[in-house]
Structure formats: structure tokens, C-alpha cells
């Protein structure tokens, strides 16, 4: 391989690395399972704990007009902090 091509290929490595990371992130987002609605904040916390096998750091209910969502911050087993939003089951929670 000519020397000029080696230099160009080496210069493309950071771009290829960024592209690989972008593909990985996109694949992770596309394969994430949707979280089903929960009837209470405690129910949502239990679902997140079961699905992530992590430690819940905080949890709160956020209201947006007529709808509500449970926002749960969890520390995963691999040390990442994730925020998971679980929709509130409005029919069951209003009874």
C-alpha cells in the first residue's frame, strides 16, 4: 500500500470510530423495551428494579396536563445512572 494511502486511512480512524459509536447508540435505543404503564409510583419503582436489576436512586411523579409519568433514576449494575420514565396508568390511578 502506498504511504499516502496509509496517512489518509489513519486520519479516517477517528471518523470511523465516531460512526461505530453512533451505530451502537442507535441500535441500543432501537432495541430498548418499552415500559408498560404503572398504577402507582411504588409499582413503577418495582418494575424498574426488576427490569434493570439496579438500585433506585430517586423517583418522582411528573404531571404534564392531564397525563402523568413516573421519573425514576437508577444506578445499573454496570455503574451507569439511567433515568427511566414510566407512564402512569391513568385509569387505575384515578380510582
N, C-alpha and C. Protein backbone atom coordinates (compact mmCIF):
# COMPACT_ATOMS: atom_id res chain seq x y z
N UNK A 1 0.86 -1.18 0.00
CA UNK A 1 0.00 0.00 0.00
C UNK A 1 0.90 1.23 0.00
N UNK A 2 0.58 2.21 -0.83
CA UNK A 2 1.39 3.43 -0.86
C UNK A 2 1.32 4.18 0.47
N UNK A 3 2.38 4.91 0.77
CA UNK A 3 2.47 5.64 2.04
C UNK A 3 1.35 6.69 2.15
N UNK A 4 1.00 7.35 1.07
CA UNK A 4 -0.04 8.38 1.10
C UNK A 4 -1.38 7.80 1.54
N UNK A 5 -1.68 6.61 1.11
CA UNK A 5 -2.95 5.98 1.49
C UNK A 5 -2.95 5.63 2.98
N UNK A 6 -1.82 5.21 3.49
CA UNK A 6 -1.75 4.91 4.92
C UNK A 6 -2.06 6.15 5.75
N UNK A 7 -1.55 7.27 5.38
CA UNK A 7 -1.81 8.51 6.11
C UNK A 7 -3.28 8.89 6.06
N UNK A 8 -3.89 8.74 4.89
CA UNK A 8 -5.31 9.06 4.76
C UNK A 8 -6.16 8.09 5.58
N UNK A 9 -5.77 6.83 5.57
CA UNK A 9 -6.52 5.82 6.34
C UNK A 9 -6.41 6.09 7.84
N UNK A 10 -5.22 6.47 8.28
CA UNK A 10 -5.02 6.78 9.70
C UNK A 10 -5.84 7.99 10.09
N UNK A 11 -5.95 8.97 9.20
CA UNK A 11 -6.72 10.17 9.50
C UNK A 11 -8.22 9.87 9.56
N UNK A 12 -8.66 8.79 8.90
CA UNK A 12 -10.08 8.44 8.90
C UNK A 12 -10.49 7.65 10.13
N UNK A 13 -9.54 7.14 10.90
CA UNK A 13 -9.86 6.32 12.06
C UNK A 13 -10.76 7.02 13.08
N UNK A 14 -10.51 8.27 13.46
CA UNK A 14 -11.44 8.93 14.39
C UNK A 14 -12.87 9.03 13.85
N UNK A 15 -13.01 9.28 12.56
CA UNK A 15 -14.33 9.36 11.96
C UNK A 15 -15.01 7.99 11.98
N UNK A 16 -14.27 6.94 11.67
CA UNK A 16 -14.82 5.59 11.69
C UNK A 16 -15.22 5.21 13.12
N UNK A 17 -14.42 5.59 14.09
CA UNK A 17 -14.72 5.30 15.49
C UNK A 17 -16.01 6.00 15.93
N UNK A 18 -16.16 7.29 15.55
CA UNK A 18 -17.39 8.02 15.88
C UNK A 18 -18.61 7.39 15.21
N UNK A 19 -18.45 6.95 13.98
CA UNK A 19 -19.55 6.31 13.27
C UNK A 19 -19.95 5.00 13.96
N UNK A 20 -18.96 4.22 14.40
CA UNK A 20 -19.25 2.97 15.10
C UNK A 20 -19.99 3.23 16.41
N UNK A 21 -19.59 4.26 17.14
CA UNK A 21 -20.27 4.61 18.40
C UNK A 21 -21.71 5.05 18.11
N UNK A 22 -21.90 5.84 17.07
CA UNK A 22 -23.25 6.30 16.72
C UNK A 22 -24.14 5.12 16.36
N UNK A 23 -23.63 4.16 15.62
CA UNK A 23 -24.41 2.97 15.25
C UNK A 23 -24.76 2.17 16.49
N UNK A 24 -23.81 2.02 17.42
CA UNK A 24 -24.07 1.29 18.65
C UNK A 24 -25.16 1.96 19.49
N UNK A 25 -25.08 3.27 19.63
CA UNK A 25 -26.08 4.01 20.41
C UNK A 25 -27.45 3.89 19.76
N UNK A 26 -27.51 4.04 18.45
CA UNK A 26 -28.77 3.92 17.74
C UNK A 26 -29.36 2.52 17.90
N UNK A 27 -28.53 1.50 17.81
CA UNK A 27 -29.01 0.13 17.99
C UNK A 27 -29.52 -0.09 19.41
N UNK A 28 -28.86 0.50 20.39
CA UNK A 28 -29.30 0.36 21.78
C UNK A 28 -30.65 1.01 22.00
N UNK A 29 -30.85 2.17 21.42
CA UNK A 29 -32.12 2.88 21.58
C UNK A 29 -33.24 2.13 20.88
N UNK A 30 -32.96 1.59 19.70
CA UNK A 30 -33.99 0.90 18.93
C UNK A 30 -34.40 -0.43 19.56
N UNK A 31 -33.51 -1.06 20.31
CA UNK A 31 -33.84 -2.36 20.90
C UNK A 31 -34.35 -2.24 22.33
N UNK A 32 -34.44 -1.04 22.87
CA UNK A 32 -34.92 -0.87 24.24
C UNK A 32 -36.40 -1.25 24.31
N UNK A 33 -36.74 -2.00 25.33
CA UNK A 33 -38.13 -2.42 25.50
C UNK A 33 -38.95 -1.27 26.08
N UNK A 34 -40.15 -1.08 25.53
CA UNK A 34 -40.99 -0.04 26.12
C UNK A 34 -41.44 -0.45 27.52
N UNK A 35 -41.57 0.52 28.38
CA UNK A 35 -42.01 0.27 29.75
C UNK A 35 -43.52 0.42 29.78
N UNK A 36 -44.20 -0.58 30.34
CA UNK A 36 -45.66 -0.52 30.41
C UNK A 36 -46.09 0.41 31.54
N UNK A 37 -47.33 0.85 31.46
CA UNK A 37 -47.87 1.79 32.44
C UNK A 37 -47.91 1.16 33.83
N UNK A 38 -47.78 2.00 34.84
CA UNK A 38 -47.81 1.56 36.23
C UNK A 38 -48.96 2.27 36.94
N UNK A 39 -49.57 1.58 37.91
CA UNK A 39 -50.70 2.19 38.60
C UNK A 39 -50.30 3.06 39.77
N UNK A 40 -49.04 2.95 40.24
CA UNK A 40 -48.57 3.81 41.32
C UNK A 40 -47.06 4.00 41.19
N UNK A 41 -46.54 4.96 41.94
CA UNK A 41 -45.10 5.19 41.93
C UNK A 41 -44.36 3.96 42.44
N UNK A 42 -44.88 3.33 43.48
CA UNK A 42 -44.24 2.12 44.01
C UNK A 42 -44.24 0.99 42.98
N UNK A 43 -45.32 0.87 42.23
CA UNK A 43 -45.40 -0.14 41.17
C UNK A 43 -44.35 0.14 40.10
N UNK A 44 -44.20 1.41 39.73
CA UNK A 44 -43.21 1.79 38.72
C UNK A 44 -41.79 1.50 39.21
N UNK A 45 -41.52 1.79 40.48
CA UNK A 45 -40.20 1.50 41.05
C UNK A 45 -39.92 0.01 41.00
N UNK A 46 -40.91 -0.81 41.36
CA UNK A 46 -40.73 -2.26 41.31
C UNK A 46 -40.44 -2.76 39.91
N UNK A 47 -41.14 -2.22 38.92
CA UNK A 47 -40.91 -2.62 37.53
C UNK A 47 -39.49 -2.28 37.09
N UNK A 48 -39.05 -1.07 37.42
CA UNK A 48 -37.71 -0.64 37.01
C UNK A 48 -36.65 -1.49 37.71
N UNK A 49 -36.84 -1.78 38.99
CA UNK A 49 -35.88 -2.62 39.72
C UNK A 49 -35.80 -4.01 39.10
N UNK A 50 -36.94 -4.58 38.75
CA UNK A 50 -36.95 -5.92 38.15
C UNK A 50 -36.29 -5.92 36.78
N UNK A 51 -36.56 -4.90 35.98
CA UNK A 51 -36.05 -4.88 34.61
C UNK A 51 -34.57 -4.50 34.52
N UNK A 52 -34.09 -3.65 35.41
CA UNK A 52 -32.70 -3.20 35.32
C UNK A 52 -31.77 -3.93 36.28
N UNK A 53 -32.32 -4.57 37.31
CA UNK A 53 -31.52 -5.19 38.37
C UNK A 53 -30.59 -4.16 39.01
N UNK A 54 -31.03 -2.90 39.03
CA UNK A 54 -30.22 -1.83 39.57
C UNK A 54 -30.79 -1.29 40.87
N UNK A 55 -30.15 -0.24 41.36
CA UNK A 55 -30.56 0.40 42.61
C UNK A 55 -31.22 1.73 42.29
N UNK A 56 -32.45 1.90 42.75
CA UNK A 56 -33.18 3.15 42.51
C UNK A 56 -32.57 4.24 43.38
N UNK A 57 -32.19 5.35 42.74
CA UNK A 57 -31.60 6.47 43.45
C UNK A 57 -32.65 7.50 43.84
N UNK A 58 -33.62 7.72 42.95
CA UNK A 58 -34.70 8.66 43.26
C UNK A 58 -35.89 8.35 42.35
N UNK A 59 -37.05 8.81 42.78
CA UNK A 59 -38.26 8.61 41.99
C UNK A 59 -39.23 9.75 42.27
N UNK A 60 -39.92 10.20 41.23
CA UNK A 60 -40.88 11.28 41.39
C UNK A 60 -41.96 11.16 40.32
N UNK A 61 -43.08 11.80 40.58
CA UNK A 61 -44.18 11.86 39.62
C UNK A 61 -44.16 13.22 38.96
N UNK A 62 -44.15 13.21 37.63
CA UNK A 62 -44.20 14.45 36.86
C UNK A 62 -45.55 14.53 36.17
N UNK A 63 -46.22 15.69 36.28
CA UNK A 63 -47.52 15.89 35.66
C UNK A 63 -47.35 16.80 34.45
N UNK A 64 -48.00 16.40 33.36
CA UNK A 64 -47.98 17.19 32.14
C UNK A 64 -49.42 17.32 31.66
N UNK A 65 -50.09 18.34 32.13
CA UNK A 65 -51.50 18.49 31.80
C UNK A 65 -52.31 17.40 32.47
N UNK A 66 -53.00 16.60 31.67
CA UNK A 66 -53.83 15.52 32.20
C UNK A 66 -53.05 14.22 32.41
N UNK A 67 -51.89 14.11 31.81
CA UNK A 67 -51.13 12.86 31.93
C UNK A 67 -50.03 12.99 32.98
N UNK A 68 -49.60 11.85 33.45
CA UNK A 68 -48.53 11.81 34.45
C UNK A 68 -47.52 10.74 34.05
N UNK A 69 -46.30 10.94 34.49
CA UNK A 69 -45.25 9.97 34.23
C UNK A 69 -44.41 9.84 35.50
N UNK A 70 -43.98 8.63 35.79
CA UNK A 70 -43.10 8.39 36.93
C UNK A 70 -41.67 8.43 36.39
N UNK A 71 -40.86 9.32 36.95
CA UNK A 71 -39.46 9.51 36.53
C UNK A 71 -38.58 8.87 37.59
N UNK A 72 -37.84 7.83 37.17
CA UNK A 72 -37.06 7.04 38.12
C UNK A 72 -35.59 7.04 37.70
N UNK A 73 -34.73 7.46 38.63
CA UNK A 73 -33.29 7.47 38.39
C UNK A 73 -32.73 6.20 39.03
N UNK A 74 -31.98 5.42 38.24
CA UNK A 74 -31.49 4.13 38.72
C UNK A 74 -30.00 3.98 38.41
N UNK A 75 -29.27 3.35 39.33
CA UNK A 75 -27.87 3.01 39.13
C UNK A 75 -27.82 1.56 38.67
N UNK A 76 -27.37 1.34 37.44
CA UNK A 76 -27.36 -0.01 36.90
C UNK A 76 -26.17 -0.80 37.44
N UNK A 77 -26.20 -2.11 37.22
CA UNK A 77 -25.12 -2.97 37.72
C UNK A 77 -23.77 -2.63 37.11
N UNK A 78 -23.78 -2.06 35.90
CA UNK A 78 -22.51 -1.71 35.27
C UNK A 78 -22.05 -0.30 35.62
N UNK A 79 -22.74 0.33 36.60
CA UNK A 79 -22.28 1.62 37.12
C UNK A 79 -22.82 2.84 36.40
N UNK A 80 -23.76 2.66 35.47
CA UNK A 80 -24.33 3.80 34.76
C UNK A 80 -25.57 4.29 35.48
N UNK A 81 -25.78 5.60 35.46
CA UNK A 81 -27.00 6.18 36.00
C UNK A 81 -27.93 6.42 34.82
N UNK A 82 -29.14 5.84 34.91
CA UNK A 82 -30.13 5.99 33.85
C UNK A 82 -31.39 6.59 34.44
N UNK A 83 -32.07 7.38 33.65
CA UNK A 83 -33.38 7.91 34.03
C UNK A 83 -34.41 7.22 33.15
N UNK A 84 -35.35 6.56 33.80
CA UNK A 84 -36.38 5.81 33.09
C UNK A 84 -37.72 6.43 33.42
N UNK A 85 -38.49 6.69 32.38
CA UNK A 85 -39.82 7.26 32.57
C UNK A 85 -40.86 6.18 32.32
N UNK A 86 -41.74 6.01 33.29
CA UNK A 86 -42.81 5.01 33.22
C UNK A 86 -44.13 5.77 33.18
N UNK A 87 -44.94 5.56 32.14
CA UNK A 87 -46.23 6.26 32.10
C UNK A 87 -47.14 5.78 33.22
N UNK A 88 -47.89 6.72 33.78
CA UNK A 88 -48.85 6.38 34.82
C UNK A 88 -50.11 5.82 34.16
N UNK A 89 -50.64 4.77 34.73
CA UNK A 89 -51.89 4.20 34.25
C UNK A 89 -53.01 5.05 34.80
N UNK A 90 -53.47 6.00 34.03
CA UNK A 90 -54.45 7.00 34.49
C UNK A 90 -55.77 6.37 34.92
N UNK A 91 -56.21 5.33 34.23
CA UNK A 91 -57.50 4.71 34.57
C UNK A 91 -57.45 4.10 35.96
N UNK A 92 -56.38 3.37 36.26
CA UNK A 92 -56.28 2.70 37.54
C UNK A 92 -55.91 3.65 38.67
N UNK A 93 -55.04 4.64 38.38
CA UNK A 93 -54.58 5.53 39.46
C UNK A 93 -55.64 6.54 39.87
N UNK A 94 -56.63 6.79 39.02
CA UNK A 94 -57.65 7.78 39.38
C UNK A 94 -58.81 7.17 40.16
N UNK A 95 -58.85 5.86 40.29
CA UNK A 95 -59.94 5.19 41.03
C UNK A 95 -59.69 5.19 42.50
